[in-house]
Amino acid sequence: MARKKQSQNTDRLIEIINEILESRCSLSGRDKNLTNAVDKLGLLKKKRGKTNKEILETSIEALESIAEYFKS
């Protein structure tokens, strides 16, 4: 059940990031941070048999990209 909830949370985060990207009038250089985050989260959805460590590392990388977007 935990993996199902994780998958749902990942899907929702991807949806939210895509909504942010779609609502912007023009794309800027910092939007690559959000695109990078979507790509990282997409890897979580595609790759099967991930260890908890791999999931955590990929999630951290995605969140760092999101944080960088909002910081700049």
Protein backbone atom coordinates (compact mmCIF):
# COMPACT_ATOMS: atom_id res chain seq x y z
CA MET A 1 0.00 0.00 0.00
CA ALA A 2 2.89 2.39 0.70
CA ARG A 3 4.16 2.12 -2.88
CA LYS A 4 0.67 2.84 -4.22
CA LYS A 5 0.41 5.98 -2.07
CA GLN A 6 3.90 7.02 -3.13
CA SER A 7 2.93 6.59 -6.77
CA GLN A 8 -0.20 8.70 -6.27
CA ASN A 9 1.82 11.43 -4.56
CA THR A 10 4.37 11.40 -7.38
CA ASP A 11 1.59 11.66 -9.98
CA ARG A 12 0.04 14.61 -8.17
CA LEU A 13 3.36 16.43 -7.87
CA ILE A 14 4.01 15.96 -11.59
CA GLU A 15 0.52 17.32 -12.34
CA ILE A 16 1.10 20.39 -10.17
CA ILE A 17 4.48 21.15 -11.76
CA ASN A 18 2.99 20.76 -15.24
CA GLU A 19 0.18 23.16 -14.30
CA ILE A 20 2.78 25.73 -13.22
CA LEU A 21 4.66 25.32 -16.49
CA GLU A 22 1.47 25.59 -18.58
CA SER A 23 0.20 28.67 -16.76
CA ARG A 24 3.33 30.70 -17.38
CA CYS A 25 3.10 33.10 -20.31
CA SER A 26 6.71 32.70 -21.32
CA LEU A 27 9.29 30.14 -20.47
CA SER A 28 12.43 31.34 -18.77
CA GLY A 29 15.78 29.75 -18.08
CA ARG A 30 14.71 28.83 -14.58
CA ASP A 31 11.83 26.73 -15.92
CA LYS A 32 14.41 24.08 -16.75
CA ASN A 33 14.49 23.39 -13.01
CA LEU A 34 10.83 22.39 -13.07
CA THR A 35 11.29 20.39 -16.24
CA ASN A 36 14.22 18.61 -14.61
CA ALA A 37 12.05 17.83 -11.57
CA VAL A 38 9.33 16.34 -13.78
CA ASP A 39 11.94 14.21 -15.55
CA LYS A 40 13.31 12.93 -12.22
CA LEU A 41 9.84 12.15 -10.91
CA GLY A 42 9.00 10.46 -14.19
CA LEU A 43 11.92 8.10 -13.61
CA LEU A 44 10.31 7.05 -10.33
CA LYS A 45 7.16 6.12 -12.24
CA LYS A 46 8.94 4.13 -14.96
CA LYS A 47 11.61 2.21 -13.14
CA ARG A 48 10.46 -0.88 -11.27
CA GLY A 49 12.28 -2.61 -8.44
CA LYS A 50 13.69 0.54 -6.94
CA THR A 51 15.23 0.41 -3.51
CA ASN A 52 14.09 2.84 -0.84
CA LYS A 53 17.49 4.55 -1.11
CA GLU A 54 17.07 5.08 -4.88
CA ILE A 55 13.57 6.47 -4.36
CA LEU A 56 14.78 8.84 -1.67
CA GLU A 57 17.77 10.06 -3.69
CA THR A 58 15.67 10.70 -6.80
CA SER A 59 13.00 12.47 -4.75
CA ILE A 60 15.62 14.69 -3.13
CA GLU A 61 17.07 15.60 -6.53
CA ALA A 62 13.61 16.54 -7.80
CA LEU A 63 12.86 18.62 -4.71
CA GLU A 64 16.20 20.40 -5.02
CA SER A 65 15.26 21.39 -8.57
CA ILE A 66 11.88 22.67 -7.40
CA ALA A 67 13.51 24.63 -4.57
CA GLU A 68 15.99 26.17 -7.00
CA TYR A 69 13.10 27.31 -9.20
CA PHE A 70 11.39 29.12 -6.36
CA LYS A 71 14.65 30.51 -4.99
CA SER A 72 15.58 32.29 -8.20
